[in-house]
């Protein structure tokens, strides 16, 4: 167990008062599901991963594949979440996702208790909420929404200051050629080439071969990813 959090691990917006590790279990988190599966996205693709899906979202993307997460299925404290995931023993990779997990302020207690118990933490977030207080030890996977989502103006530009070039990732979900061209312009306009960039085609909407061809034709320096879990299991199957 870590006795304290190093100063270098604090996020820019955290004060020492924020980092006082109070007794876990004081606050309840609203959840959709908790399960163990194979990580299907990001640079961690293929690794066994524990998914903690919080409920609620501030967006309603047209192609959303987790609409069931809009509603709360159950509530747990950070302490009880830890107890539940400890059944998976050797698995120390955890992704907190949603919905949009940052709409629940109690998430910061969850970050602390997971870090204190030596978990590697991934956070999947839609880019609309300020990342300033997210600790540096959390790997952020940040969406920038394209026009196909219906929310192409939702990204909080200030968040670029809080995304690490080496540790975090920026993801564009691509519906069609319009989304691809929009993302390409956005990357150039905001000088994002130095970041880790992911392009992900929407299953059954955009053929992976098409996106691969666009990327190679343009010699775009991005990482193309498929949602591996949707190829291993049925695309609409839950808890995978």
Foldseek 3Di string as FASTA:
>chain_A
DDPFDDPLFFFQPDDVVLRDQDDWFPDKFFFDDWFWDAQQDDPSGGHIEIETEGADAPAQFPQDLPPVRPDGPDMGILVVVVVVVCVVPPQQEYEYHYRARVVDVSVSSNVNVSVVVPHQYEYEHAQQDAPRRPTNSYAYEYEQEFVNRVPNPRHDVVNVVRHDQPRYEYEYEDQDPRRVVVVVVVCVVVVVLSHAYEYEYDPPRDDPVVVVVVCVVVVRPYHYGYRRVCVVDPVNDPND
